[in-house]
N, C-alpha and C. Protein backbone atom coordinates (compact mmCIF):
# COMPACT_ATOMS: atom_id res chain seq x y z
N MET A 1 9.46 -126.53 -44.14
CA MET A 1 9.10 -126.00 -42.84
C MET A 1 8.59 -124.57 -42.96
N ILE A 2 9.24 -123.76 -43.79
CA ILE A 2 8.84 -122.36 -43.97
C ILE A 2 7.46 -122.30 -44.61
N LYS A 3 7.20 -123.17 -45.58
CA LYS A 3 5.88 -123.20 -46.21
C LYS A 3 4.80 -123.54 -45.20
N ARG A 4 5.12 -124.46 -44.32
CA ARG A 4 4.15 -124.86 -43.31
C ARG A 4 3.86 -123.71 -42.35
N LEU A 5 4.89 -122.98 -41.91
CA LEU A 5 4.70 -121.84 -41.02
C LEU A 5 3.92 -120.73 -41.71
N LEU A 6 4.20 -120.49 -42.98
CA LEU A 6 3.46 -119.48 -43.74
C LEU A 6 2.00 -119.89 -43.88
N GLY A 7 1.75 -121.17 -44.13
CA GLY A 7 0.37 -121.66 -44.25
C GLY A 7 -0.39 -121.50 -42.95
N ILE A 8 0.24 -121.84 -41.82
CA ILE A 8 -0.40 -121.69 -40.51
C ILE A 8 -0.66 -120.22 -40.21
N GLY A 9 0.28 -119.35 -40.53
CA GLY A 9 0.11 -117.91 -40.31
C GLY A 9 -1.03 -117.35 -41.15
N LEU A 10 -1.10 -117.78 -42.39
CA LEU A 10 -2.17 -117.33 -43.28
C LEU A 10 -3.53 -117.81 -42.77
N LEU A 11 -3.60 -119.05 -42.33
CA LEU A 11 -4.83 -119.60 -41.78
C LEU A 11 -5.25 -118.82 -40.53
N ALA A 12 -4.31 -118.47 -39.68
CA ALA A 12 -4.61 -117.69 -38.47
C ALA A 12 -5.16 -116.32 -38.84
N LEU A 13 -4.61 -115.68 -39.86
CA LEU A 13 -5.10 -114.37 -40.31
C LEU A 13 -6.52 -114.47 -40.86
N VAL A 14 -6.78 -115.48 -41.63
CA VAL A 14 -8.13 -115.67 -42.20
C VAL A 14 -9.14 -115.90 -41.09
N LEU A 15 -8.81 -116.77 -40.13
CA LEU A 15 -9.73 -117.04 -39.02
C LEU A 15 -9.97 -115.79 -38.19
N THR A 16 -8.95 -114.98 -37.96
CA THR A 16 -9.11 -113.74 -37.22
C THR A 16 -10.04 -112.78 -37.96
N ALA A 17 -9.88 -112.68 -39.26
CA ALA A 17 -10.74 -111.80 -40.06
C ALA A 17 -12.19 -112.28 -40.04
N VAL A 18 -12.41 -113.57 -40.14
CA VAL A 18 -13.77 -114.12 -40.14
C VAL A 18 -14.45 -113.86 -38.80
N ILE A 19 -13.74 -114.02 -37.72
CA ILE A 19 -14.31 -113.83 -36.39
C ILE A 19 -14.58 -112.34 -36.13
N ALA A 20 -13.74 -111.46 -36.62
CA ALA A 20 -13.85 -110.03 -36.34
C ALA A 20 -14.92 -109.33 -37.18
N VAL A 21 -15.32 -109.88 -38.31
CA VAL A 21 -16.29 -109.25 -39.19
C VAL A 21 -17.70 -109.53 -38.68
N PRO A 22 -18.50 -108.48 -38.46
CA PRO A 22 -19.87 -108.71 -38.00
C PRO A 22 -20.73 -109.32 -39.10
N VAL A 23 -21.75 -110.05 -38.69
CA VAL A 23 -22.64 -110.70 -39.63
C VAL A 23 -23.67 -109.68 -40.14
N ALA A 24 -23.89 -109.62 -41.44
CA ALA A 24 -24.86 -108.71 -42.03
C ALA A 24 -26.25 -109.32 -41.92
N SER A 25 -27.26 -108.44 -41.84
CA SER A 25 -28.63 -108.91 -41.74
C SER A 25 -29.52 -108.06 -42.62
N ALA A 26 -30.46 -108.70 -43.32
CA ALA A 26 -31.40 -107.98 -44.17
C ALA A 26 -32.59 -107.48 -43.37
N ASP A 27 -32.79 -107.98 -42.17
CA ASP A 27 -33.89 -107.56 -41.33
C ASP A 27 -33.63 -106.15 -40.84
N PRO A 28 -34.56 -105.18 -41.12
CA PRO A 28 -34.30 -103.82 -40.71
C PRO A 28 -34.20 -103.66 -39.20
N GLY A 29 -34.97 -104.43 -38.45
CA GLY A 29 -34.87 -104.44 -37.00
C GLY A 29 -35.12 -103.10 -36.35
N SER A 30 -35.39 -103.12 -35.07
CA SER A 30 -35.72 -101.90 -34.35
C SER A 30 -34.50 -101.03 -34.07
N ASN A 31 -33.29 -101.56 -34.21
CA ASN A 31 -32.08 -100.78 -33.96
C ASN A 31 -31.62 -99.99 -35.18
N ASN A 32 -32.24 -100.19 -36.32
CA ASN A 32 -31.89 -99.47 -37.54
C ASN A 32 -32.40 -98.03 -37.40
N PRO A 33 -31.52 -97.02 -37.54
CA PRO A 33 -31.95 -95.63 -37.37
C PRO A 33 -32.92 -95.16 -38.46
N ASN A 34 -33.04 -95.90 -39.56
CA ASN A 34 -33.94 -95.51 -40.64
C ASN A 34 -35.35 -96.09 -40.49
N VAL A 35 -35.55 -96.97 -39.52
CA VAL A 35 -36.87 -97.58 -39.32
C VAL A 35 -37.84 -96.54 -38.77
N GLN A 36 -39.01 -96.50 -39.36
CA GLN A 36 -40.08 -95.65 -38.87
C GLN A 36 -41.13 -96.56 -38.24
N PRO A 37 -41.19 -96.60 -36.90
CA PRO A 37 -42.14 -97.50 -36.24
C PRO A 37 -43.57 -96.97 -36.32
N ARG A 38 -44.51 -97.89 -36.40
CA ARG A 38 -45.92 -97.54 -36.41
C ARG A 38 -46.69 -98.61 -35.65
N THR A 39 -47.78 -98.21 -35.02
CA THR A 39 -48.72 -99.14 -34.42
C THR A 39 -50.04 -98.88 -35.10
N PHE A 40 -50.62 -99.92 -35.69
CA PHE A 40 -51.88 -99.72 -36.41
C PHE A 40 -52.91 -100.76 -36.00
N THR A 41 -54.16 -100.38 -36.16
CA THR A 41 -55.29 -101.23 -35.82
C THR A 41 -56.02 -101.60 -37.10
N CYS A 42 -56.45 -102.87 -37.18
CA CYS A 42 -57.10 -103.35 -38.39
C CYS A 42 -58.53 -103.79 -38.10
N ASP A 43 -59.30 -103.94 -39.18
CA ASP A 43 -60.70 -104.33 -39.04
C ASP A 43 -60.89 -105.79 -38.62
N ASN A 44 -59.79 -106.53 -38.44
CA ASN A 44 -59.90 -107.89 -37.90
C ASN A 44 -59.81 -107.87 -36.37
N GLY A 45 -59.78 -106.65 -35.78
CA GLY A 45 -59.72 -106.50 -34.33
C GLY A 45 -58.33 -106.56 -33.75
N GLN A 46 -57.31 -106.73 -34.57
CA GLN A 46 -55.94 -106.84 -34.11
C GLN A 46 -55.21 -105.50 -34.20
N THR A 47 -54.29 -105.29 -33.27
CA THR A 47 -53.39 -104.14 -33.31
C THR A 47 -52.00 -104.69 -33.54
N TYR A 48 -51.26 -104.08 -34.46
CA TYR A 48 -49.93 -104.56 -34.83
C TYR A 48 -48.89 -103.49 -34.56
N SER A 49 -47.74 -103.90 -34.03
CA SER A 49 -46.57 -103.04 -33.96
C SER A 49 -45.73 -103.39 -35.17
N ALA A 50 -45.37 -102.38 -35.93
CA ALA A 50 -44.68 -102.64 -37.19
C ALA A 50 -43.70 -101.50 -37.47
N GLY A 51 -43.03 -101.62 -38.58
CA GLY A 51 -42.12 -100.58 -39.02
C GLY A 51 -41.83 -100.71 -40.49
N PHE A 52 -41.30 -99.65 -41.05
CA PHE A 52 -40.86 -99.68 -42.44
C PHE A 52 -39.62 -98.81 -42.57
N VAL A 53 -38.82 -99.10 -43.57
CA VAL A 53 -37.63 -98.31 -43.83
C VAL A 53 -37.91 -97.32 -44.94
N SER A 54 -38.68 -97.71 -45.92
CA SER A 54 -39.02 -96.84 -47.04
C SER A 54 -40.50 -96.99 -47.35
N PRO A 55 -41.23 -95.88 -47.39
CA PRO A 55 -42.65 -96.00 -47.72
C PRO A 55 -42.88 -96.47 -49.16
N VAL A 56 -41.87 -96.37 -50.00
CA VAL A 56 -41.98 -96.81 -51.38
C VAL A 56 -42.11 -98.32 -51.48
N SER A 57 -41.60 -99.05 -50.50
CA SER A 57 -41.61 -100.51 -50.55
C SER A 57 -43.02 -101.08 -50.49
N GLY A 58 -43.93 -100.41 -49.83
CA GLY A 58 -45.29 -100.91 -49.72
C GLY A 58 -45.45 -102.05 -48.74
N THR A 59 -44.51 -102.21 -47.81
CA THR A 59 -44.63 -103.27 -46.80
C THR A 59 -44.21 -102.76 -45.43
N PHE A 60 -44.84 -103.30 -44.42
CA PHE A 60 -44.43 -103.13 -43.04
C PHE A 60 -43.87 -104.45 -42.56
N PHE A 61 -42.78 -104.44 -41.79
CA PHE A 61 -42.38 -105.66 -41.12
C PHE A 61 -43.08 -105.64 -39.76
N LEU A 62 -43.60 -106.79 -39.35
CA LEU A 62 -44.33 -106.89 -38.08
C LEU A 62 -43.35 -107.24 -36.97
N VAL A 63 -43.30 -106.44 -35.94
CA VAL A 63 -42.37 -106.63 -34.82
C VAL A 63 -42.71 -107.93 -34.10
N GLY A 64 -41.69 -108.72 -33.80
CA GLY A 64 -41.87 -109.98 -33.09
C GLY A 64 -42.41 -111.10 -33.95
N SER A 65 -42.32 -110.93 -35.28
CA SER A 65 -42.86 -111.92 -36.21
C SER A 65 -41.95 -111.99 -37.43
N THR A 66 -42.10 -113.04 -38.19
CA THR A 66 -41.40 -113.11 -39.47
C THR A 66 -42.32 -112.72 -40.61
N ASP A 67 -43.52 -112.23 -40.29
CA ASP A 67 -44.50 -111.83 -41.30
C ASP A 67 -44.34 -110.36 -41.68
N THR A 68 -44.87 -110.02 -42.83
CA THR A 68 -44.93 -108.64 -43.28
C THR A 68 -46.38 -108.31 -43.64
N PHE A 69 -46.69 -107.04 -43.63
CA PHE A 69 -47.99 -106.57 -44.08
C PHE A 69 -47.76 -105.95 -45.45
N ALA A 70 -48.31 -106.58 -46.48
CA ALA A 70 -48.17 -106.09 -47.86
C ALA A 70 -49.32 -105.13 -48.15
N ILE A 71 -48.99 -103.90 -48.45
CA ILE A 71 -49.99 -102.87 -48.70
C ILE A 71 -50.42 -102.91 -50.16
N LYS A 72 -51.73 -102.87 -50.38
CA LYS A 72 -52.28 -102.79 -51.74
C LYS A 72 -52.71 -101.37 -52.06
N VAL A 73 -53.39 -100.69 -51.11
CA VAL A 73 -53.85 -99.31 -51.31
C VAL A 73 -53.53 -98.54 -50.03
N PHE A 74 -52.93 -97.38 -50.17
CA PHE A 74 -52.55 -96.55 -49.03
C PHE A 74 -53.10 -95.14 -49.26
N THR A 75 -53.88 -94.64 -48.30
CA THR A 75 -54.46 -93.30 -48.43
C THR A 75 -54.00 -92.44 -47.27
N VAL A 76 -53.36 -91.32 -47.60
CA VAL A 76 -52.90 -90.36 -46.60
C VAL A 76 -53.98 -89.30 -46.45
N ASP A 77 -54.40 -89.07 -45.21
CA ASP A 77 -55.40 -88.05 -44.90
C ASP A 77 -56.68 -88.25 -45.72
N PRO A 78 -57.37 -89.39 -45.52
CA PRO A 78 -58.54 -89.72 -46.34
C PRO A 78 -59.69 -88.72 -46.22
N PHE A 79 -59.72 -87.94 -45.14
CA PHE A 79 -60.82 -86.99 -44.95
C PHE A 79 -60.47 -85.58 -45.40
N GLY A 80 -59.24 -85.39 -45.89
CA GLY A 80 -58.85 -84.10 -46.43
C GLY A 80 -58.64 -83.01 -45.41
N GLU A 81 -58.38 -83.37 -44.17
CA GLU A 81 -58.17 -82.36 -43.12
C GLU A 81 -56.93 -81.51 -43.37
N PHE A 82 -55.91 -82.06 -44.01
CA PHE A 82 -54.67 -81.33 -44.27
C PHE A 82 -54.50 -81.04 -45.75
N GLY A 83 -55.56 -81.02 -46.49
CA GLY A 83 -55.49 -80.82 -47.94
C GLY A 83 -56.18 -81.98 -48.64
N GLU A 84 -55.85 -82.17 -49.88
CA GLU A 84 -56.46 -83.26 -50.66
C GLU A 84 -55.88 -84.61 -50.24
N PRO A 85 -56.75 -85.61 -50.05
CA PRO A 85 -56.25 -86.96 -49.75
C PRO A 85 -55.38 -87.46 -50.91
N GLN A 86 -54.38 -88.24 -50.58
CA GLN A 86 -53.52 -88.85 -51.60
C GLN A 86 -53.61 -90.35 -51.46
N THR A 87 -53.91 -91.02 -52.58
CA THR A 87 -54.03 -92.48 -52.58
C THR A 87 -52.95 -93.07 -53.47
N PHE A 88 -52.28 -94.10 -52.95
CA PHE A 88 -51.23 -94.80 -53.68
C PHE A 88 -51.64 -96.26 -53.83
N ASN A 89 -51.53 -96.78 -55.03
CA ASN A 89 -51.84 -98.19 -55.30
C ASN A 89 -50.55 -98.96 -55.49
N TYR A 90 -50.44 -100.09 -54.80
CA TYR A 90 -49.27 -100.95 -54.88
C TYR A 90 -49.67 -102.28 -55.50
N GLY A 91 -48.77 -102.87 -56.25
CA GLY A 91 -48.97 -104.23 -56.73
C GLY A 91 -49.90 -104.35 -57.93
N ILE A 92 -50.37 -105.57 -58.13
CA ILE A 92 -51.17 -105.91 -59.30
C ILE A 92 -52.61 -105.45 -59.10
N LYS A 93 -53.15 -104.78 -60.08
CA LYS A 93 -54.54 -104.34 -60.02
C LYS A 93 -55.46 -105.55 -60.20
N GLY A 94 -56.70 -105.43 -59.75
CA GLY A 94 -57.67 -106.50 -59.90
C GLY A 94 -57.66 -107.48 -58.76
N PHE A 95 -56.91 -107.21 -57.70
CA PHE A 95 -56.87 -108.08 -56.54
C PHE A 95 -58.22 -108.02 -55.85
N ASP A 96 -58.72 -109.14 -55.36
CA ASP A 96 -60.02 -109.19 -54.69
C ASP A 96 -59.96 -108.39 -53.39
N SER A 97 -60.55 -107.20 -53.40
CA SER A 97 -60.47 -106.31 -52.24
C SER A 97 -61.27 -106.82 -51.04
N SER A 98 -62.18 -107.76 -51.24
CA SER A 98 -62.97 -108.26 -50.11
C SER A 98 -62.11 -109.07 -49.14
N SER A 99 -60.97 -109.57 -49.58
CA SER A 99 -60.11 -110.36 -48.71
C SER A 99 -59.02 -109.53 -48.03
N LEU A 100 -59.02 -108.22 -48.26
CA LEU A 100 -58.00 -107.35 -47.69
C LEU A 100 -58.39 -106.85 -46.30
N LEU A 101 -57.38 -106.68 -45.46
CA LEU A 101 -57.57 -106.04 -44.17
C LEU A 101 -57.53 -104.53 -44.38
N THR A 102 -58.36 -103.80 -43.67
CA THR A 102 -58.29 -102.34 -43.67
C THR A 102 -57.74 -101.91 -42.32
N CYS A 103 -56.68 -101.11 -42.35
CA CYS A 103 -55.98 -100.71 -41.13
C CYS A 103 -55.76 -99.20 -41.14
N SER A 104 -55.44 -98.66 -39.96
CA SER A 104 -55.19 -97.22 -39.89
C SER A 104 -54.27 -96.88 -38.72
N TYR A 105 -53.63 -95.71 -38.82
CA TYR A 105 -52.83 -95.15 -37.75
C TYR A 105 -52.70 -93.65 -38.00
N THR A 106 -52.32 -92.93 -36.96
CA THR A 106 -52.00 -91.52 -37.09
C THR A 106 -50.49 -91.40 -36.98
N ASP A 107 -49.86 -90.77 -37.97
CA ASP A 107 -48.39 -90.69 -37.97
C ASP A 107 -47.91 -89.61 -36.98
N PRO A 108 -46.60 -89.54 -36.74
CA PRO A 108 -46.07 -88.58 -35.76
C PRO A 108 -46.41 -87.11 -36.07
N GLU A 109 -46.70 -86.79 -37.32
CA GLU A 109 -47.06 -85.43 -37.70
C GLU A 109 -48.55 -85.15 -37.49
N GLY A 110 -49.30 -86.17 -37.04
CA GLY A 110 -50.72 -86.01 -36.79
C GLY A 110 -51.61 -86.29 -37.99
N VAL A 111 -51.06 -86.85 -39.06
CA VAL A 111 -51.83 -87.15 -40.26
C VAL A 111 -52.39 -88.57 -40.16
N PHE A 112 -53.69 -88.70 -40.42
CA PHE A 112 -54.37 -89.99 -40.36
C PHE A 112 -54.11 -90.75 -41.65
N ASN A 113 -53.78 -92.03 -41.55
CA ASN A 113 -53.46 -92.88 -42.69
C ASN A 113 -54.34 -94.13 -42.66
N VAL A 114 -54.90 -94.49 -43.81
CA VAL A 114 -55.71 -95.70 -43.95
C VAL A 114 -55.11 -96.52 -45.07
N PHE A 115 -55.01 -97.83 -44.86
CA PHE A 115 -54.45 -98.67 -45.92
C PHE A 115 -55.11 -100.03 -45.90
N GLN A 116 -55.05 -100.69 -47.04
CA GLN A 116 -55.58 -102.04 -47.19
C GLN A 116 -54.47 -102.95 -47.67
N GLY A 117 -54.48 -104.18 -47.19
CA GLY A 117 -53.46 -105.14 -47.61
C GLY A 117 -53.69 -106.48 -46.95
N PHE A 118 -52.62 -107.26 -46.90
CA PHE A 118 -52.71 -108.59 -46.32
C PHE A 118 -51.39 -108.95 -45.66
N ILE A 119 -51.46 -109.89 -44.72
CA ILE A 119 -50.27 -110.35 -44.02
C ILE A 119 -49.74 -111.56 -44.74
N THR A 120 -48.43 -111.56 -44.94
CA THR A 120 -47.78 -112.63 -45.69
C THR A 120 -46.44 -112.97 -45.04
N PRO A 121 -45.98 -114.21 -45.15
CA PRO A 121 -44.66 -114.55 -44.59
C PRO A 121 -43.56 -113.74 -45.27
N ARG A 122 -42.58 -113.34 -44.48
CA ARG A 122 -41.44 -112.59 -45.01
C ARG A 122 -40.64 -113.51 -45.92
N SER A 123 -40.24 -112.98 -47.07
CA SER A 123 -39.47 -113.81 -48.01
C SER A 123 -38.00 -113.66 -47.81
């Protein structure tokens, strides 16, 4: 009888712990304080609301979608208004650039950014 009561008590504790623990999510989401939101326009005529957590990742998650925008080439201040333009290349070289979208936005500091890439399903 004591073993049975201990087993039921242990089961109750485990169930309480499982219910009380929040579920983790890999999606950065708009509630993440580290997300930097951006709205950009592309040469396909579309405007996208997106965000990123780290510019090093080379991807934007698209708001309201399960897709991401994979950046191949990113140029900060392409016209040199704030100094020398800086270009960053992501991924494998030799990618057919004719199939890439060209997009742009002005960041909160007023710096114009141009990038090329493609939209792909989130993995």
